[in-house]
C-alpha cells in the first residue's frame, strides 16, 4: 500500500484528474471526501472518454464522473 496515495475530491476537475493519471502513470485515482472517506475512483477509461454530449455538462459536479465504491 502506498503511504502517500494520489487522491482527489469530488469537486476536482476531470482535467486535473487526467493530468494526475498521466503524470503518475496511474490506472485509477481514489476520490475521497473532506474526512478522507473513500467515495469512489476515477479510471483512466473515464478520463479518455469523449466529453459529455450535452450543453452544460462540463458544469456538472465531480461526482458525475467518478465510479462510486
PDB file of N, CA and C in Angstrom:
ATOM      1  N   UNK A   1       0.847  -1.177   0.000  1.00  0.00           N
ATOM      2  CA  UNK A   1       0.000   0.000   0.000  1.00  0.00           C
ATOM      3  C   UNK A   1       0.888   1.234   0.000  1.00  0.00           C
ATOM      4  N   UNK A   2       0.505   2.218  -0.770  1.00  0.00           N
ATOM      5  CA  UNK A   2       1.268   3.459  -0.879  1.00  0.00           C
ATOM      6  C   UNK A   2       1.018   4.331   0.347  1.00  0.00           C
ATOM      7  N   UNK A   3       2.087   4.797   0.957  1.00  0.00           N
ATOM      8  CA  UNK A   3       1.931   5.636   2.150  1.00  0.00           C
ATOM      9  C   UNK A   3       1.556   7.072   1.810  1.00  0.00           C
ATOM     10  N   UNK A   4       1.630   7.430   0.542  1.00  0.00           N
ATOM     11  CA  UNK A   4       1.301   8.782   0.106  1.00  0.00           C
ATOM     12  C   UNK A   4       0.494   8.709  -1.197  1.00  0.00           C
ATOM     13  N   UNK A   5      -0.741   8.179  -1.142  1.00  0.00           N
ATOM     14  CA  UNK A   5      -1.518   7.969  -2.367  1.00  0.00           C
ATOM     15  C   UNK A   5      -1.952   9.281  -3.021  1.00  0.00           C
ATOM     16  N   UNK A   6      -2.178   9.204  -4.321  1.00  0.00           N
ATOM     17  CA  UNK A   6      -2.699  10.336  -5.081  1.00  0.00           C
ATOM     18  C   UNK A   6      -4.218  10.288  -4.943  1.00  0.00           C
ATOM     19  N   UNK A   7      -4.808  11.362  -4.432  1.00  0.00           N
ATOM     20  CA  UNK A   7      -6.246  11.425  -4.168  1.00  0.00           C
ATOM     21  C   UNK A   7      -6.845  12.683  -4.773  1.00  0.00           C
ATOM     22  N   UNK A   8      -8.137  12.633  -5.065  1.00  0.00           N
ATOM     23  CA  UNK A   8      -8.886  13.820  -5.473  1.00  0.00           C
ATOM     24  C   UNK A   8     -10.189  13.863  -4.683  1.00  0.00           C
ATOM     25  N   UNK A   9     -10.803  15.035  -4.655  1.00  0.00           N
ATOM     26  CA  UNK A   9     -12.105  15.207  -4.019  1.00  0.00           C
ATOM     27  C   UNK A   9     -13.168  15.301  -5.109  1.00  0.00           C
ATOM     28  N   UNK A  10     -14.441  15.150  -4.768  1.00  0.00           N
ATOM     29  CA  UNK A  10     -15.500  15.180  -5.772  1.00  0.00           C
ATOM     30  C   UNK A  10     -15.563  16.478  -6.576  1.00  0.00           C
ATOM     31  N   UNK A  11     -15.067  17.568  -6.013  1.00  0.00           N
ATOM     32  CA  UNK A  11     -15.110  18.833  -6.744  1.00  0.00           C
ATOM     33  C   UNK A  11     -13.900  19.031  -7.650  1.00  0.00           C
ATOM     34  N   UNK A  12     -13.013  18.049  -7.722  1.00  0.00           N
ATOM     35  CA  UNK A  12     -11.844  18.141  -8.602  1.00  0.00           C
ATOM     36  C   UNK A  12     -12.293  18.164 -10.059  1.00  0.00           C
ATOM     37  N   UNK A  13     -11.560  18.881 -10.861  1.00  0.00           N
ATOM     38  CA  UNK A  13     -11.821  18.969 -12.291  1.00  0.00           C
ATOM     39  C   UNK A  13     -11.345  17.682 -12.969  1.00  0.00           C
ATOM     40  N   UNK A  14     -12.089  17.200 -13.954  1.00  0.00           N
ATOM     41  CA  UNK A  14     -11.713  15.981 -14.663  1.00  0.00           C
ATOM     42  C   UNK A  14     -10.362  16.141 -15.352  1.00  0.00           C
ATOM     43  N   UNK A  15     -10.068  17.328 -15.847  1.00  0.00           N
ATOM     44  CA  UNK A  15      -8.769  17.584 -16.479  1.00  0.00           C
ATOM     45  C   UNK A  15      -7.648  17.408 -15.461  1.00  0.00           C
ATOM     46  N   UNK A  16      -7.843  17.909 -14.259  1.00  0.00           N
ATOM     47  CA  UNK A  16      -6.828  17.744 -13.211  1.00  0.00           C
ATOM     48  C   UNK A  16      -6.611  16.267 -12.893  1.00  0.00           C
ATOM     49  N   UNK A  17      -7.686  15.500 -12.840  1.00  0.00           N
ATOM     50  CA  UNK A  17      -7.565  14.063 -12.597  1.00  0.00           C
ATOM     51  C   UNK A  17      -6.802  13.396 -13.738  1.00  0.00           C
ATOM     52  N   UNK A  18      -7.084  13.811 -14.971  1.00  0.00           N
ATOM     53  CA  UNK A  18      -6.383  13.252 -16.129  1.00  0.00           C
ATOM     54  C   UNK A  18      -4.891  13.553 -16.071  1.00  0.00           C
ATOM     55  N   UNK A  19      -4.542  14.764 -15.672  1.00  0.00           N
ATOM     56  CA  UNK A  19      -3.131  15.143 -15.552  1.00  0.00           C
ATOM     57  C   UNK A  19      -2.442  14.286 -14.493  1.00  0.00           C
ATOM     58  N   UNK A  20      -3.092  14.081 -13.358  1.00  0.00           N
ATOM     59  CA  UNK A  20      -2.510  13.242 -12.309  1.00  0.00           C
ATOM     60  C   UNK A  20      -2.325  11.804 -12.791  1.00  0.00           C
ATOM     61  N   UNK A  21      -3.317  11.280 -13.483  1.00  0.00           N
ATOM     62  CA  UNK A  21      -3.220   9.920 -14.017  1.00  0.00           C
ATOM     63  C   UNK A  21      -2.039   9.814 -14.973  1.00  0.00           C
ATOM     64  N   UNK A  22      -1.883  10.801 -15.845  1.00  0.00           N
ATOM     65  CA  UNK A  22      -0.768  10.784 -16.801  1.00  0.00           C
ATOM     66  C   UNK A  22       0.574  10.991 -16.106  1.00  0.00           C
ATOM     67  N   UNK A  23       0.653  11.971 -15.230  1.00  0.00           N
ATOM     68  CA  UNK A  23       1.921  12.296 -14.564  1.00  0.00           C
ATOM     69  C   UNK A  23       2.453  11.149 -13.711  1.00  0.00           C
ATOM     70  N   UNK A  24       1.554  10.436 -13.062  1.00  0.00           N
ATOM     71  CA  UNK A  24       1.971   9.364 -12.156  1.00  0.00           C
ATOM     72  C   UNK A  24       1.780   7.970 -12.759  1.00  0.00           C
ATOM     73  N   UNK A  25       1.416   7.917 -14.054  1.00  0.00           N
ATOM     74  CA  UNK A  25       1.228   6.649 -14.763  1.00  0.00           C
ATOM     75  C   UNK A  25       0.284   5.716 -13.990  1.00  0.00           C
ATOM     76  N   UNK A  26      -0.882   6.251 -13.638  1.00  0.00           N
ATOM     77  CA  UNK A  26      -1.868   5.515 -12.848  1.00  0.00           C
ATOM     78  C   UNK A  26      -2.972   4.952 -13.729  1.00  0.00           C
ATOM     79  N   UNK A  27      -3.682   3.966 -13.205  1.00  0.00           N
ATOM     80  CA  UNK A  27      -4.882   3.439 -13.856  1.00  0.00           C
ATOM     81  C   UNK A  27      -6.133   3.966 -13.168  1.00  0.00           C
ATOM     82  N   UNK A  28      -5.998   4.299 -11.887  1.00  0.00           N
ATOM     83  CA  UNK A  28      -7.113   4.840 -11.107  1.00  0.00           C
ATOM     84  C   UNK A  28      -6.603   5.856 -10.090  1.00  0.00           C
ATOM     85  N   UNK A  29      -7.503   6.745  -9.682  1.00  0.00           N
ATOM     86  CA  UNK A  29      -7.244   7.675  -8.583  1.00  0.00           C
ATOM     87  C   UNK A  29      -8.453   7.588  -7.659  1.00  0.00           C
ATOM     88  N   UNK A  30      -8.202   7.469  -6.386  1.00  0.00           N
ATOM     89  CA  UNK A  30      -9.295   7.413  -5.414  1.00  0.00           C
ATOM     90  C   UNK A  30      -9.907   8.794  -5.208  1.00  0.00           C
ATOM     91  N   UNK A  31     -11.233   8.800  -5.076  1.00  0.00           N
ATOM     92  CA  UNK A  31     -11.971  10.024  -4.767  1.00  0.00           C
ATOM     93  C   UNK A  31     -12.392   9.918  -3.307  1.00  0.00           C
ATOM     94  N   UNK A  32     -12.031  10.938  -2.522  1.00  0.00           N
ATOM     95  CA  UNK A  32     -12.335  10.930  -1.091  1.00  0.00           C
ATOM     96  C   UNK A  32     -13.041  12.219  -0.692  1.00  0.00           C
ATOM     97  N   UNK A  33     -13.794  12.143   0.413  1.00  0.00           N
ATOM     98  CA  UNK A  33     -14.438  13.347   0.933  1.00  0.00           C
ATOM     99  C   UNK A  33     -13.453  14.114   1.814  1.00  0.00           C
ATOM    100  N   UNK A  34     -13.921  15.191   2.415  1.00  0.00           N
ATOM    101  CA  UNK A  34     -13.061  16.040   3.244  1.00  0.00           C
ATOM    102  C   UNK A  34     -12.481  15.314   4.452  1.00  0.00           C
ATOM    103  N   UNK A  35     -13.113  14.225   4.850  1.00  0.00           N
ATOM    104  CA  UNK A  35     -12.641  13.452   6.003  1.00  0.00           C
ATOM    105  C   UNK A  35     -11.766  12.272   5.594  1.00  0.00           C
ATOM    106  N   UNK A  36     -11.509  12.144   4.281  1.00  0.00           N
ATOM    107  CA  UNK A  36     -10.674  11.053   3.797  1.00  0.00           C
ATOM    108  C   UNK A  36     -11.409   9.750   3.551  1.00  0.00           C
ATOM    109  N   UNK A  37     -12.746   9.773   3.658  1.00  0.00           N
ATOM    110  CA  UNK A  37     -13.543   8.574   3.403  1.00  0.00           C
ATOM    111  C   UNK A  37     -13.643   8.338   1.898  1.00  0.00           C
ATOM    112  N   UNK A  38     -13.436   7.112   1.487  1.00  0.00           N
ATOM    113  CA  UNK A  38     -13.498   6.764   0.068  1.00  0.00           C
ATOM    114  C   UNK A  38     -14.913   6.945  -0.469  1.00  0.00           C
ATOM    115  N   UNK A  39     -15.001   7.600  -1.624  1.00  0.00           N
ATOM    116  CA  UNK A  39     -16.284   7.792  -2.292  1.00  0.00           C
ATOM    117  C   UNK A  39     -16.336   7.027  -3.608  1.00  0.00           C
ATOM    118  N   UNK A  40     -15.179   6.781  -4.201  1.00  0.00           N
ATOM    119  CA  UNK A  40     -15.128   6.096  -5.480  1.00  0.00           C
ATOM    120  C   UNK A  40     -13.769   6.244  -6.114  1.00  0.00           C
ATOM    121  N   UNK A  41     -13.720   6.003  -7.422  1.00  0.00           N
ATOM    122  CA  UNK A  41     -12.461   6.110  -8.156  1.00  0.00           C
ATOM    123  C   UNK A  41     -12.687   6.796  -9.494  1.00  0.00           C
ATOM    124  N   UNK A  42     -11.634   7.406  -9.998  1.00  0.00           N
ATOM    125  CA  UNK A  42     -11.597   7.907 -11.369  1.00  0.00           C
ATOM    126  C   UNK A  42     -10.685   6.946 -12.110  1.00  0.00           C
ATOM    127  N   UNK A  43     -11.151   6.425 -13.228  1.00  0.00           N
ATOM    128  CA  UNK A  43     -10.348   5.480 -14.001  1.00  0.00           C
ATOM    129  C   UNK A  43      -9.752   6.153 -15.222  1.00  0.00           C
ATOM    130  N   UNK A  44      -8.709   5.542 -15.745  1.00  0.00           N
ATOM    131  CA  UNK A  44      -8.100   6.056 -16.965  1.00  0.00           C
ATOM    132  C   UNK A  44      -9.128   6.042 -18.098  1.00  0.00           C
ATOM    133  N   UNK A  45     -10.013   5.045 -18.121  1.00  0.00           N
ATOM    134  CA  UNK A  45     -11.064   4.996 -19.145  1.00  0.00           C
ATOM    135  C   UNK A  45     -12.000   6.193 -19.050  1.00  0.00           C
ATOM    136  N   UNK A  46     -12.296   6.623 -17.828  1.00  0.00           N
ATOM    137  CA  UNK A  46     -13.190   7.769 -17.641  1.00  0.00           C
ATOM    138  C   UNK A  46     -12.577   9.048 -18.183  1.00  0.00           C
ATOM    139  N   UNK A  47     -11.273   9.210 -18.012  1.00  0.00           N
ATOM    140  CA  UNK A  47     -10.659  10.451 -18.488  1.00  0.00           C
ATOM    141  C   UNK A  47     -10.391  10.416 -19.985  1.00  0.00           C
ATOM    142  N   UNK A  48     -10.381   9.227 -20.586  1.00  0.00           N
ATOM    143  CA  UNK A  48     -10.187   9.123 -22.031  1.00  0.00           C
ATOM    144  C   UNK A  48     -11.492   9.188 -22.804  1.00  0.00           C
ATOM    145  N   UNK A  49     -12.612   9.014 -22.100  1.00  0.00           N
ATOM    146  CA  UNK A  49     -13.927   9.063 -22.726  1.00  0.00           C
ATOM    147  C   UNK A  49     -14.169  10.449 -23.319  1.00  0.00           C
ATOM    148  N   UNK A  50     -14.857  10.534 -24.464  1.00  0.00           N
ATOM    149  CA  UNK A  50     -15.160  11.856 -25.035  1.00  0.00           C
ATOM    150  C   UNK A  50     -15.969  12.702 -24.055  1.00  0.00           C
ATOM    151  N   UNK A  51     -15.910  14.021 -24.211  1.00  0.00           N
ATOM    152  CA  UNK A  51     -16.681  14.911 -23.325  1.00  0.00           C
ATOM    153  C   UNK A  51     -18.175  14.601 -23.381  1.00  0.00           C
ATOM    154  N   UNK A  52     -18.881  15.048 -22.350  1.00  0.00           N
ATOM    155  CA  UNK A  52     -20.333  14.867 -22.316  1.00  0.00           C
ATOM    156  C   UNK A  52     -20.949  15.476 -23.570  1.00  0.00           C
ATOM    157  N   UNK A  53     -21.937  14.800 -24.153  1.00  0.00           N
ATOM    158  CA  UNK A  53     -22.531  15.280 -25.397  1.00  0.00           C
ATOM    159  C   UNK A  53     -23.526  16.424 -25.241  1.00  0.00           C
ATOM    160  N   UNK A  54     -23.921  16.758 -24.025  1.00  0.00           N
ATOM    161  CA  UNK A  54     -24.936  17.787 -23.858  1.00  0.00           C
ATOM    162  C   UNK A  54     -24.334  19.107 -23.390  1.00  0.00           C
ATOM    163  N   UNK A  55     -25.000  20.189 -23.710  1.00  0.00           N
ATOM    164  CA  UNK A  55     -24.568  21.512 -23.283  1.00  0.00           C
ATOM    165  C   UNK A  55     -24.644  21.618 -21.772  1.00  0.00           C
ATOM    166  N   UNK A  56     -23.648  22.264 -21.194  1.00  0.00           N
ATOM    167  CA  UNK A  56     -23.637  22.474 -19.759  1.00  0.00           C
ATOM    168  C   UNK A  56     -23.115  21.298 -18.961  1.00  0.00           C
ATOM    169  N   UNK A  57     -22.788  20.201 -19.634  1.00  0.00           N
ATOM    170  CA  UNK A  57     -22.322  19.019 -18.914  1.00  0.00           C
ATOM    171  C   UNK A  57     -21.007  19.271 -18.196  1.00  0.00           C
ATOM    172  N   UNK A  58     -20.187  20.165 -18.717  1.00  0.00           N
ATOM    173  CA  UNK A  58     -18.900  20.429 -18.071  1.00  0.00           C
ATOM    174  C   UNK A  58     -19.084  21.110 -16.724  1.00  0.00           C
ATOM    175  N   UNK A  59     -20.287  21.601 -16.457  1.00  0.00           N
ATOM    176  CA  UNK A  59     -20.563  22.254 -15.182  1.00  0.00           C
ATOM    177  C   UNK A  59     -21.072  21.268 -14.132  1.00  0.00           C
ATOM    178  N   UNK A  60     -21.211  20.005 -14.522  1.00  0.00           N
ATOM    179  CA  UNK A  60     -21.681  19.005 -13.569  1.00  0.00           C
ATOM    180  C   UNK A  60     -20.654  18.831 -12.462  1.00  0.00           C
ATOM    181  N   UNK A  61     -21.106  18.555 -11.252  1.00  0.00           N
ATOM    182  CA  UNK A  61     -20.154  18.336 -10.159  1.00  0.00           C
ATOM    183  C   UNK A  61     -19.346  17.069 -10.393  1.00  0.00           C
ATOM    184  N   UNK A  62     -18.213  16.975  -9.738  1.00  0.00           N
ATOM    185  CA  UNK A  62     -17.303  15.857  -9.919  1.00  0.00           C
ATOM    186  C   UNK A  62     -17.940  14.496  -9.734  1.00  0.00           C
ATOM    187  N   UNK A  63     -18.927  14.386  -8.846  1.00  0.00           N
ATOM    188  CA  UNK A  63     -19.489  13.066  -8.582  1.00  0.00           C
ATOM    189  C   UNK A  63     -20.177  12.478  -9.804  1.00  0.00           C
ATOM    190  N   UNK A  64     -20.367  13.267 -10.868  1.00  0.00           N
ATOM    191  CA  UNK A  64     -20.982  12.745 -12.081  1.00  0.00           C
ATOM    192  C   UNK A  64     -20.005  11.895 -12.883  1.00  0.00           C
ATOM    193  N   UNK A  65     -18.707  12.010 -12.599  1.00  0.00           N
ATOM    194  CA  UNK A  65     -17.749  11.286 -13.422  1.00  0.00           C
ATOM    195  C   UNK A  65     -16.886  10.290 -12.681  1.00  0.00           C
ATOM    196  N   UNK A  66     -17.093  10.083 -11.413  1.00  0.00           N
ATOM    197  CA  UNK A  66     -16.304   9.037 -10.764  1.00  0.00           C
ATOM    198  C   UNK A  66     -17.182   7.848 -10.415  1.00  0.00           C
ATOM    199  N   UNK A  67     -16.564   6.681 -10.354  1.00  0.00           N
ATOM    200  CA  UNK A  67     -17.283   5.448 -10.048  1.00  0.00           C
ATOM    201  C   UNK A  67     -17.431   5.306  -8.546  1.00  0.00           C
ATOM    202  N   UNK A  68     -18.647   5.169  -8.089  1.00  0.00           N
ATOM    203  CA  UNK A  68     -18.877   5.026  -6.646  1.00  0.00           C
ATOM    204  C   UNK A  68     -18.467   3.638  -6.185  1.00  0.00           C
ATOM    205  N   UNK A  69     -17.891   3.583  -4.980  1.00  0.00           N
ATOM    206  CA  UNK A  69     -17.464   2.288  -4.439  1.00  0.00           C
ATOM    207  C   UNK A  69     -18.550   1.700  -3.579  1.00  0.00           C
TER     208      UNK A  69
END
